[in-house]
Amino acid sequence: MHLGVTHVDSYLLHGPELDDGWTEGDQEVWRAMEALHAAERARLIGVSNISASQLVALLDCAQIAPAIVQNRCYARTGWDREVRAICRDRGIAYQGFSLLTANRSELASAKVTDLAARMRATVPQVVFRFAMHVGMMVLTGTSTRMHMEEDLAARELPFDAADAATLERISG
């Protein structure tokens, strides 16, 4: 490998070739990734930026199901509910990214800021705790120790179904 290692922990297809459908090209790439996995060059294989219908098509033809699906989550489209459900049902880890940056206007709403104030938490903490509550593996980045500590503290927030319902409904 060009990386100077014998294997990688995870290897993800950045996304299907087209916005809709699963193409012959996608299938060819997936077969190559399955071969890397079988040769123990990639411990986990997965896909990013995939729709529910594309994921179903991949699962229908895959010899090895993706271990990871990594998608941008938008509150306005239900936080990728359909894809998360498929992942949950098939034992696939769902990684959500851009939880904050893709939802700036929704997260500035009174529903969210009131919830954060009631919990004595930051809005990012509430969003990350929500994501964990609904089964997402949260992907986030920070350049400061303080923000990382705040992000990690989200795990400790008390959170219940009513809180989750508030976040589920922020766009509607």
Protein backbone atom coordinates (compact mmCIF):
# COMPACT_ATOMS: atom_id res chain seq x y z
CA MET A 1 0.00 0.00 0.00
CA HIS A 2 1.10 3.54 -0.66
CA LEU A 3 0.51 4.40 2.98
CA GLY A 4 3.41 2.25 4.14
CA VAL A 5 1.17 -0.04 6.21
CA THR A 6 0.03 -3.61 5.75
CA HIS A 7 -3.63 -2.81 6.40
CA VAL A 8 -6.03 -0.02 7.26
CA ASP A 9 -8.63 -0.18 10.00
CA SER A 10 -11.42 1.07 7.76
CA TYR A 11 -11.80 1.90 4.11
CA LEU A 12 -14.86 3.75 2.85
CA LEU A 13 -16.22 4.37 -0.60
CA HIS A 14 -16.75 8.13 -0.59
CA GLY A 15 -20.09 7.69 -2.28
CA PRO A 16 -21.93 6.07 -5.14
CA GLU A 17 -21.15 7.24 -8.67
CA LEU A 18 -24.54 8.91 -9.14
CA ASP A 19 -26.99 10.65 -6.81
CA ASP A 20 -29.56 7.96 -7.58
CA GLY A 21 -29.12 4.23 -8.11
CA TRP A 22 -26.30 1.73 -7.69
CA THR A 23 -24.28 1.41 -10.91
CA GLU A 24 -22.07 -1.28 -12.43
CA GLY A 25 -19.15 1.00 -11.55
CA ASP A 26 -20.27 1.14 -7.92
CA GLN A 27 -20.53 -2.65 -7.88
CA GLU A 28 -17.06 -3.01 -9.39
CA VAL A 29 -15.57 -0.71 -6.75
CA TRP A 30 -17.41 -2.59 -3.98
CA ARG A 31 -16.06 -5.94 -5.26
CA ALA A 32 -12.53 -4.51 -5.14
CA MET A 33 -13.12 -3.34 -1.58
CA GLU A 34 -14.45 -6.78 -0.63
CA ALA A 35 -11.25 -8.26 -2.04
CA LEU A 36 -9.15 -5.92 0.10
CA HIS A 37 -11.19 -6.96 3.13
CA ALA A 38 -10.81 -10.67 2.30
CA ALA A 39 -7.05 -10.17 1.91
CA GLU A 40 -7.01 -8.52 5.37
CA ARG A 41 -5.77 -5.24 3.88
CA ALA A 42 -8.89 -3.39 5.13
CA ARG A 43 -10.33 -4.53 8.45
CA LEU A 44 -13.68 -2.80 7.89
CA ILE A 45 -15.24 -1.57 4.66
CA GLY A 46 -18.01 0.92 4.35
CA VAL A 47 -19.66 3.64 2.33
CA SER A 48 -20.41 7.33 2.73
CA ASN A 49 -22.95 9.71 1.23
CA ILE A 50 -25.44 6.98 0.39
CA SER A 51 -29.23 7.08 0.23
CA ALA A 52 -31.54 4.44 1.67
CA SER A 53 -32.37 3.02 -1.78
CA GLN A 54 -28.69 2.88 -2.73
CA LEU A 55 -27.84 1.13 0.53
CA VAL A 56 -30.54 -1.48 -0.11
CA ALA A 57 -29.15 -2.01 -3.63
CA LEU A 58 -25.63 -2.41 -2.23
CA LEU A 59 -26.82 -4.88 0.39
CA ASP A 60 -28.69 -6.88 -2.26
CA CYS A 61 -25.54 -7.49 -4.29
CA ALA A 62 -22.75 -7.40 -1.69
CA GLN A 63 -20.91 -10.51 -0.60
CA ILE A 64 -19.72 -8.52 2.41
CA ALA A 65 -22.09 -5.94 3.86
CA PRO A 66 -20.63 -2.58 4.77
CA ALA A 67 -19.58 -2.38 8.40
CA ILE A 68 -19.97 1.41 8.37
CA VAL A 69 -22.26 3.94 6.73
CA GLN A 70 -21.10 7.52 7.11
CA ASN A 71 -23.59 10.21 6.12
CA ARG A 72 -24.17 13.91 6.56
CA CYS A 73 -27.26 14.37 8.74
CA TYR A 74 -29.85 17.04 8.11
CA ALA A 75 -32.56 17.77 10.65
CA ARG A 76 -34.82 18.94 7.83
CA THR A 77 -34.81 15.43 6.34
CA GLY A 78 -35.29 13.54 9.58
CA TRP A 79 -31.66 13.10 10.56
CA ASP A 80 -31.26 10.36 7.90
CA ARG A 81 -33.88 8.22 9.64
CA GLU A 82 -34.35 5.71 6.77
CA VAL A 83 -30.66 4.97 6.40
CA ARG A 84 -30.23 4.74 10.18
CA ALA A 85 -33.08 2.21 10.34
CA ILE A 86 -31.49 0.02 7.68
CA CYS A 87 -28.17 0.20 9.52
CA ARG A 88 -29.79 -0.66 12.85
CA ASP A 89 -31.65 -3.62 11.33
CA ARG A 90 -28.53 -4.94 9.58
CA GLY A 91 -25.99 -4.33 12.38
CA ILE A 92 -24.14 -1.62 10.45
CA ALA A 93 -22.47 1.19 12.39
CA TYR A 94 -24.00 4.52 11.40
CA GLN A 95 -21.64 7.50 11.58
CA GLY A 96 -23.25 10.94 11.41
CA PHE A 97 -21.23 13.93 10.33
CA SER A 98 -21.92 17.65 9.95
CA LEU A 99 -24.48 17.41 12.71
CA LEU A 100 -23.81 21.03 13.64
CA THR A 101 -22.72 22.69 10.41
CA ALA A 102 -25.48 21.14 8.27
CA ASN A 103 -28.16 22.30 10.71
CA ARG A 104 -27.21 25.83 11.77
CA SER A 105 -30.66 27.40 11.41
CA GLU A 106 -32.49 24.49 13.03
CA LEU A 107 -30.09 24.45 15.97
CA ALA A 108 -30.61 28.17 16.56
CA SER A 109 -34.33 27.57 17.15
CA ALA A 110 -35.93 28.26 20.52
CA LYS A 111 -36.80 24.56 20.88
CA VAL A 112 -33.12 23.63 20.86
CA THR A 113 -31.74 26.56 22.82
CA ASP A 114 -34.44 26.09 25.48
CA LEU A 115 -33.60 22.38 25.74
CA ALA A 116 -29.90 23.21 26.10
CA ALA A 117 -30.64 25.80 28.79
CA ARG A 118 -32.85 23.34 30.70
CA MET A 119 -30.08 20.73 30.55
CA ARG A 120 -27.38 23.29 31.45
CA ALA A 121 -25.52 22.21 28.35
CA THR A 122 -24.33 23.69 25.08
CA VAL A 123 -26.32 23.20 21.90
CA PRO A 124 -23.55 20.99 20.45
CA GLN A 125 -23.68 18.81 23.58
CA VAL A 126 -27.44 18.39 23.21
CA VAL A 127 -27.10 17.49 19.52
CA PHE A 128 -24.32 14.98 20.17
CA ARG A 129 -26.29 13.41 23.03
CA PHE A 130 -29.34 13.17 20.78
CA ALA A 131 -27.24 11.48 18.09
CA MET A 132 -25.94 8.93 20.58
CA HIS A 133 -29.47 8.36 21.90
CA VAL A 134 -30.72 7.43 18.41
CA GLY A 135 -27.76 5.15 17.70
CA MET A 136 -25.40 7.36 15.75
CA MET A 137 -21.67 7.26 16.14
CA VAL A 138 -20.88 10.97 16.22
CA LEU A 139 -18.11 12.31 14.01
CA THR A 140 -16.96 15.74 15.03
CA GLY A 141 -13.84 17.79 14.86
CA THR A 142 -12.39 20.48 17.04
CA SER A 143 -9.16 22.35 17.34
CA THR A 144 -9.37 23.15 21.04
CA ARG A 145 -9.08 21.04 24.15
CA MET A 146 -12.01 22.86 25.74
CA HIS A 147 -14.38 21.99 22.88
CA MET A 148 -13.23 18.38 22.90
CA GLU A 149 -13.90 18.14 26.63
CA GLU A 150 -17.34 19.73 26.12
CA ASP A 151 -18.11 17.34 23.26
CA LEU A 152 -17.10 14.32 25.33
CA ALA A 153 -19.16 15.53 28.29
CA ALA A 154 -22.28 15.10 26.13
CA ARG A 155 -22.15 11.39 26.99
CA GLU A 156 -23.07 12.23 30.59
CA LEU A 157 -26.15 14.32 29.85
CA PRO A 158 -29.43 12.83 30.99
CA PHE A 159 -31.54 12.34 27.89
CA ASP A 160 -34.91 10.72 27.37
CA ALA A 161 -37.44 9.97 24.65
CA ALA A 162 -39.12 13.37 25.09
CA ASP A 163 -35.80 15.14 24.57
CA ALA A 164 -35.15 13.04 21.48
CA ALA A 165 -38.63 13.85 20.15
CA THR A 166 -37.87 17.57 20.53
CA LEU A 167 -34.77 17.21 18.36
CA GLU A 168 -36.57 14.98 15.87
CA ARG A 169 -39.17 17.73 15.36
CA ILE A 170 -36.96 20.82 15.17
CA SER A 171 -37.39 21.23 11.45
CA GLY A 172 -41.14 20.82 11.35
